[in-house]
Amino acid sequence: MELAQVRLLVTDFAACYRFYAEVLGLKPQSGAADGPYEKFSPATGSAGIALQDRSMMAEVLDELGDTATGHRSLVVLRIDDLDTYCEQIASRGATLLHGPAPMTDRMRVAHLKDPEGNLVELQEWLLLRG
């Protein structure tokens, strides 16, 4: 078994596409900015984040037609230089909710939300610095 992706069900596909591609700088697989589906990948690693239009999935599972409330996900991205990356994404429109700040003695983090309110945690692993 292999984890293929984490998929977020979104209602404003275009805004979320822009956030993951232009603000966070992840690479879109196909360039389908209008949806209803797109997978994004970081420069390294095999894990990916995908967006899917919520109404498309509601055709399969009726219960998804309801408006999502509360925090239902936390997307985590590992960043080599957290301070620099946070400065870059802030210049592209991101609003940090917290950090960069220590979370443990092994990690620093920053938090923000995508346009749908999904939480994104940016992690810098201090043990990898050497």
Protein backbone atom coordinates (compact mmCIF):
# COMPACT_ATOMS: atom_id res chain seq x y z
CA MET A 1 0.00 0.00 0.00
CA GLU A 2 1.20 3.51 -0.80
CA LEU A 3 -0.22 6.86 0.25
CA ALA A 4 -1.06 8.62 -3.01
CA GLN A 5 -2.24 12.00 -1.71
CA VAL A 6 -4.22 13.95 0.82
CA ARG A 7 -7.29 15.40 -0.91
CA LEU A 8 -9.11 18.50 0.29
CA LEU A 9 -12.74 19.00 -0.69
CA VAL A 10 -13.19 22.69 -1.48
CA THR A 11 -16.00 24.97 -2.61
CA ASP A 12 -13.92 27.83 -4.03
CA PHE A 13 -11.62 25.80 -6.25
CA ALA A 14 -9.99 28.76 -8.01
CA ALA A 15 -9.02 30.51 -4.75
CA CYS A 16 -7.57 27.30 -3.30
CA TYR A 17 -5.72 26.53 -6.54
CA ARG A 18 -4.09 29.97 -6.45
CA PHE A 19 -3.16 29.55 -2.77
CA TYR A 20 -1.40 26.19 -3.19
CA ALA A 21 0.24 27.08 -6.54
CA GLU A 22 1.05 30.78 -6.26
CA VAL A 23 1.22 31.48 -2.53
CA LEU A 24 2.75 28.25 -1.21
CA GLY A 25 4.63 27.57 -4.47
CA LEU A 26 3.62 23.92 -4.94
CA LYS A 27 3.72 22.54 -8.48
CA PRO A 28 0.32 21.76 -10.07
CA GLN A 29 0.21 18.48 -11.96
CA SER A 30 -1.97 19.54 -14.90
CA GLY A 31 -2.68 23.26 -14.59
CA ALA A 32 -6.45 22.75 -14.17
CA ALA A 33 -6.96 26.07 -12.36
CA ASP A 34 -10.76 25.84 -12.73
CA GLY A 35 -10.97 22.30 -11.38
CA PRO A 36 -12.70 20.17 -10.59
CA TYR A 37 -9.49 18.36 -9.53
CA GLU A 38 -5.79 19.14 -9.27
CA LYS A 39 -2.83 17.55 -7.49
CA PHE A 40 0.06 19.65 -6.17
CA SER A 41 3.56 18.45 -5.37
CA PRO A 42 6.49 20.02 -3.53
CA ALA A 43 9.89 20.19 -5.22
CA THR A 44 11.07 17.08 -3.34
CA GLY A 45 9.37 13.99 -1.96
CA SER A 46 6.54 11.90 -3.35
CA ALA A 47 3.61 13.02 -1.18
CA GLY A 48 1.06 15.36 -2.69
CA ILE A 49 -1.94 17.51 -1.85
CA ALA A 50 -4.97 17.40 -4.12
CA LEU A 51 -7.99 19.66 -4.38
CA GLN A 52 -11.37 18.38 -5.46
CA ASP A 53 -14.50 20.43 -5.97
CA ARG A 54 -16.78 19.56 -3.07
CA SER A 55 -19.92 19.50 -5.26
CA MET A 56 -18.35 16.86 -7.52
CA MET A 57 -17.77 14.56 -4.56
CA ALA A 58 -21.26 15.33 -3.21
CA GLU A 59 -22.64 13.62 -6.33
CA VAL A 60 -21.05 10.42 -5.00
CA LEU A 61 -21.71 10.95 -1.27
CA ASP A 62 -24.82 13.08 -0.65
CA GLU A 63 -23.75 14.05 2.86
CA LEU A 64 -20.89 16.12 1.43
CA GLY A 65 -23.42 18.57 0.02
CA ASP A 66 -23.62 20.15 3.47
CA THR A 67 -21.42 23.14 4.24
CA ALA A 68 -18.20 22.10 5.96
CA THR A 69 -17.70 23.64 9.39
CA GLY A 70 -14.82 23.56 11.84
CA HIS A 71 -11.26 22.41 11.23
CA ARG A 72 -11.34 19.11 9.38
CA SER A 73 -7.75 18.88 8.23
CA LEU A 74 -4.20 20.01 8.87
CA VAL A 75 -1.84 19.97 5.90
CA VAL A 76 1.80 19.72 7.00
CA LEU A 77 4.71 20.80 4.79
CA ARG A 78 8.39 20.44 5.75
CA ILE A 79 10.43 23.55 4.92
CA ASP A 80 14.25 23.80 5.03
CA ASP A 81 14.44 27.53 5.91
CA LEU A 82 11.21 28.47 7.66
CA ASP A 83 11.96 32.16 8.17
CA THR A 84 12.83 32.79 4.53
CA TYR A 85 9.88 30.76 3.25
CA CYS A 86 7.44 32.61 5.54
CA GLU A 87 8.77 35.95 4.27
CA GLN A 88 8.32 34.76 0.68
CA ILE A 89 4.75 33.53 1.10
CA ALA A 90 3.75 36.64 3.08
CA SER A 91 4.93 38.72 0.13
CA ARG A 92 2.65 36.60 -2.07
CA GLY A 93 -0.42 37.18 0.10
CA ALA A 94 -0.26 34.59 2.89
CA THR A 95 -1.31 35.64 6.38
CA LEU A 96 0.52 33.78 9.14
CA LEU A 97 -1.61 32.96 12.18
CA HIS A 98 1.35 31.86 14.31
CA GLY A 99 5.11 31.71 14.07
CA PRO A 100 7.64 30.98 12.96
CA ALA A 101 8.22 29.74 16.50
CA PRO A 102 9.56 26.69 18.34
CA MET A 103 7.07 23.86 18.82
CA THR A 104 9.49 21.41 20.42
CA ASP A 105 13.24 21.26 20.82
CA ARG A 106 13.33 19.45 17.45
CA MET A 107 11.03 21.59 15.36
CA ARG A 108 9.96 25.15 14.53
CA VAL A 109 6.55 25.80 12.98
CA ALA A 110 4.31 28.42 11.44
CA HIS A 111 0.57 28.17 10.81
CA LEU A 112 -1.76 29.69 8.24
CA LYS A 113 -5.08 28.88 6.56
CA ASP A 114 -5.97 28.34 2.92
CA PRO A 115 -8.97 30.19 1.44
CA GLU A 116 -11.35 27.42 2.65
CA GLY A 117 -10.06 27.60 6.23
CA ASN A 118 -7.97 24.41 6.09
CA LEU A 119 -5.02 24.72 8.45
CA VAL A 120 -1.51 24.52 7.00
CA GLU A 121 1.47 23.86 9.26
CA LEU A 122 4.95 24.64 7.99
CA GLN A 123 7.64 22.67 9.82
CA GLU A 124 11.40 23.18 9.97
CA TRP A 125 13.06 20.08 11.40
CA LEU A 126 15.97 21.29 13.52
CA LEU A 127 17.59 17.85 13.73
CA LEU A 128 18.22 17.90 9.97
CA ARG A 129 20.37 21.04 10.26
CA GLY A 130 23.27 19.02 11.68
